[in-house]
């Protein structure tokens, strides 16, 4: 379930950022949501060592035998952590820059 959350949280919050009009609010939103994603990645690395919380499986098209599955092992956890550390650093590094379209700051 953690692996699904690490995909959905940035996706949904990134889509929500398109509807925020204020430039400073978009930047704050981007930093806060990237820090929330970082917290989830740290939680998955430190506290969630059982495979049930790190894996996600659901039937997608049962009549065809298709399913959707996400699995995280140790290497995947470290790569997710590396990625979630990079995003807040990038957002904070670009904090003082002025952009023509602030809604695109998250992408």
C-alpha atoms as a PDB file:
ATOM      1  CA  UNK A   1       0.000   0.000   0.000  1.00  0.00           C
ATOM      2  CA  UNK A   2       2.941   2.338   0.652  1.00  0.00           C
ATOM      3  CA  UNK A   3       4.135   1.910  -2.933  1.00  0.00           C
ATOM      4  CA  UNK A   4       0.732   2.975  -4.260  1.00  0.00           C
ATOM      5  CA  UNK A   5       0.724   5.968  -1.927  1.00  0.00           C
ATOM      6  CA  UNK A   6       4.174   7.035  -3.159  1.00  0.00           C
ATOM      7  CA  UNK A   7       2.722   7.191  -6.674  1.00  0.00           C
ATOM      8  CA  UNK A   8      -0.701   8.685  -5.966  1.00  0.00           C
ATOM      9  CA  UNK A   9       0.269  11.456  -3.534  1.00  0.00           C
ATOM     10  CA  UNK A  10       2.581  13.363  -5.935  1.00  0.00           C
ATOM     11  CA  UNK A  11       0.252  12.688  -8.864  1.00  0.00           C
ATOM     12  CA  UNK A  12      -2.887  13.998  -7.176  1.00  0.00           C
ATOM     13  CA  UNK A  13      -1.226  16.941  -5.460  1.00  0.00           C
ATOM     14  CA  UNK A  14       0.479  17.872  -8.733  1.00  0.00           C
ATOM     15  CA  UNK A  15      -2.877  17.900 -10.486  1.00  0.00           C
ATOM     16  CA  UNK A  16      -4.345  20.006  -7.677  1.00  0.00           C
ATOM     17  CA  UNK A  17      -1.522  22.535  -8.112  1.00  0.00           C
ATOM     18  CA  UNK A  18      -2.879  23.448 -11.548  1.00  0.00           C
ATOM     19  CA  UNK A  19      -5.937  24.970  -9.882  1.00  0.00           C
ATOM     20  CA  UNK A  20      -4.008  27.201  -7.455  1.00  0.00           C
ATOM     21  CA  UNK A  21      -3.683  30.736  -8.805  1.00  0.00           C
ATOM     22  CA  UNK A  22      -1.300  32.350  -6.293  1.00  0.00           C
ATOM     23  CA  UNK A  23       2.400  31.855  -7.127  1.00  0.00           C
ATOM     24  CA  UNK A  24       3.611  31.807  -3.524  1.00  0.00           C
ATOM     25  CA  UNK A  25       0.875  29.378  -2.536  1.00  0.00           C
ATOM     26  CA  UNK A  26       1.810  27.020  -5.377  1.00  0.00           C
ATOM     27  CA  UNK A  27       5.439  27.024  -4.258  1.00  0.00           C
ATOM     28  CA  UNK A  28       4.443  26.357  -0.665  1.00  0.00           C
ATOM     29  CA  UNK A  29       2.079  23.600  -1.820  1.00  0.00           C
ATOM     30  CA  UNK A  30       4.869  21.978  -3.863  1.00  0.00           C
ATOM     31  CA  UNK A  31       7.330  22.003  -0.962  1.00  0.00           C
ATOM     32  CA  UNK A  32       4.797  20.737   1.585  1.00  0.00           C
ATOM     33  CA  UNK A  33       3.540  17.900  -0.581  1.00  0.00           C
ATOM     34  CA  UNK A  34       7.071  16.859  -1.501  1.00  0.00           C
ATOM     35  CA  UNK A  35       7.964  16.817   2.205  1.00  0.00           C
ATOM     36  CA  UNK A  36       4.878  14.676   2.879  1.00  0.00           C
ATOM     37  CA  UNK A  37       6.033  12.255   0.191  1.00  0.00           C
ATOM     38  CA  UNK A  38       9.502  12.248   1.775  1.00  0.00           C
ATOM     39  CA  UNK A  39       7.947  11.388   5.137  1.00  0.00           C
ATOM     40  CA  UNK A  40       6.113   8.445   3.573  1.00  0.00           C
ATOM     41  CA  UNK A  41       9.340   7.212   1.949  1.00  0.00           C
ATOM     42  CA  UNK A  42      11.205   7.458   5.261  1.00  0.00           C
ATOM     43  CA  UNK A  43       8.349   5.629   6.967  1.00  0.00           C
ATOM     44  CA  UNK A  44       8.532   2.843   4.401  1.00  0.00           C
ATOM     45  CA  UNK A  45      12.293   2.509   4.855  1.00  0.00           C
ATOM     46  CA  UNK A  46      12.382   2.622   8.660  1.00  0.00           C
ATOM     47  CA  UNK A  47       9.131   1.224   9.942  1.00  0.00           C
ATOM     48  CA  UNK A  48       7.497  -0.904   7.285  1.00  0.00           C
ATOM     49  CA  UNK A  49       9.588  -4.017   6.837  1.00  0.00           C
ATOM     50  CA  UNK A  50       6.756  -6.460   6.198  1.00  0.00           C
ATOM     51  CA  UNK A  51       5.974  -7.168   2.568  1.00  0.00           C
ATOM     52  CA  UNK A  52       2.241  -6.689   3.004  1.00  0.00           C
ATOM     53  CA  UNK A  53       2.564  -2.923   3.538  1.00  0.00           C
ATOM     54  CA  UNK A  54       5.175  -2.486   0.788  1.00  0.00           C
ATOM     55  CA  UNK A  55       3.283  -4.404  -1.907  1.00  0.00           C
ATOM     56  CA  UNK A  56      -0.007  -3.648  -3.616  1.00  0.00           C
ATOM     57  CA  UNK A  57      -2.051  -6.001  -5.766  1.00  0.00           C
ATOM     58  CA  UNK A  58      -5.528  -5.695  -7.215  1.00  0.00           C
ATOM     59  CA  UNK A  59      -7.426  -7.367 -10.012  1.00  0.00           C
ATOM     60  CA  UNK A  60      -7.792  -5.055 -12.968  1.00  0.00           C
ATOM     61  CA  UNK A  61      -9.631  -7.065 -15.611  1.00  0.00           C
ATOM     62  CA  UNK A  62     -10.428 -10.402 -14.008  1.00  0.00           C
ATOM     63  CA  UNK A  63     -12.095 -11.778 -17.134  1.00  0.00           C
ATOM     64  CA  UNK A  64      -8.798 -11.389 -18.985  1.00  0.00           C
ATOM     65  CA  UNK A  65      -6.677 -12.403 -16.038  1.00  0.00           C
ATOM     66  CA  UNK A  66      -5.049  -8.943 -15.860  1.00  0.00           C
ATOM     67  CA  UNK A  67      -4.033  -7.429 -12.552  1.00  0.00           C
ATOM     68  CA  UNK A  68      -2.215  -4.349 -11.262  1.00  0.00           C
ATOM     69  CA  UNK A  69       0.696  -5.016  -8.937  1.00  0.00           C
ATOM     70  CA  UNK A  70       3.361  -2.885  -7.241  1.00  0.00           C
ATOM     71  CA  UNK A  71       6.182  -4.383  -5.211  1.00  0.00           C
ATOM     72  CA  UNK A  72       9.027  -2.702  -3.347  1.00  0.00           C
ATOM     73  CA  UNK A  73      12.220  -4.401  -2.273  1.00  0.00           C
ATOM     74  CA  UNK A  74      15.193  -2.839  -0.536  1.00  0.00           C
ATOM     75  CA  UNK A  75      16.681  -1.310  -3.676  1.00  0.00           C
ATOM     76  CA  UNK A  76      13.324   0.179  -4.678  1.00  0.00           C
ATOM     77  CA  UNK A  77      12.948   1.693  -1.221  1.00  0.00           C
ATOM     78  CA  UNK A  78      16.358   3.367  -1.471  1.00  0.00           C
ATOM     79  CA  UNK A  79      15.631   4.704  -4.950  1.00  0.00           C
ATOM     80  CA  UNK A  80      12.273   6.082  -3.804  1.00  0.00           C
ATOM     81  CA  UNK A  81      14.010   7.728  -0.864  1.00  0.00           C
ATOM     82  CA  UNK A  82      16.630   9.250  -3.173  1.00  0.00           C
ATOM     83  CA  UNK A  83      13.904  10.618  -5.437  1.00  0.00           C
ATOM     84  CA  UNK A  84      11.846  12.036  -2.589  1.00  0.00           C
ATOM     85  CA  UNK A  85      14.930  13.751  -1.120  1.00  0.00           C
ATOM     86  CA  UNK A  86      15.700  15.397  -4.455  1.00  0.00           C
ATOM     87  CA  UNK A  87      12.297  17.003  -5.024  1.00  0.00           C
ATOM     88  CA  UNK A  88      12.157  19.224  -1.908  1.00  0.00           C
ATOM     89  CA  UNK A  89      15.759  20.280  -2.549  1.00  0.00           C
ATOM     90  CA  UNK A  90      14.916  21.286  -6.116  1.00  0.00           C
ATOM     91  CA  UNK A  91      11.806  23.185  -5.021  1.00  0.00           C
ATOM     92  CA  UNK A  92      13.666  25.021  -2.261  1.00  0.00           C
ATOM     93  CA  UNK A  93      16.584  25.840  -4.599  1.00  0.00           C
ATOM     94  CA  UNK A  94      14.187  27.437  -7.082  1.00  0.00           C
ATOM     95  CA  UNK A  95      12.187  29.293  -4.443  1.00  0.00           C
ATOM     96  CA  UNK A  96      13.429  32.811  -5.325  1.00  0.00           C
ATOM     97  CA  UNK A  97      13.189  32.454  -9.089  1.00  0.00           C
ATOM     98  CA  UNK A  98      10.327  34.096 -10.952  1.00  0.00           C
ATOM     99  CA  UNK A  99       8.351  32.030 -13.438  1.00  0.00           C
ATOM    100  CA  UNK A 100       5.853  33.152 -16.047  1.00  0.00           C
ATOM    101  CA  UNK A 101       3.410  30.373 -15.153  1.00  0.00           C
ATOM    102  CA  UNK A 102       3.643  29.461 -11.475  1.00  0.00           C
ATOM    103  CA  UNK A 103       1.262  26.516 -11.868  1.00  0.00           C
ATOM    104  CA  UNK A 104       4.006  24.663 -13.718  1.00  0.00           C
ATOM    105  CA  UNK A 105       6.363  24.961 -10.722  1.00  0.00           C
ATOM    106  CA  UNK A 106       5.506  21.445  -9.576  1.00  0.00           C
ATOM    107  CA  UNK A 107       6.500  19.856 -12.874  1.00  0.00           C
END
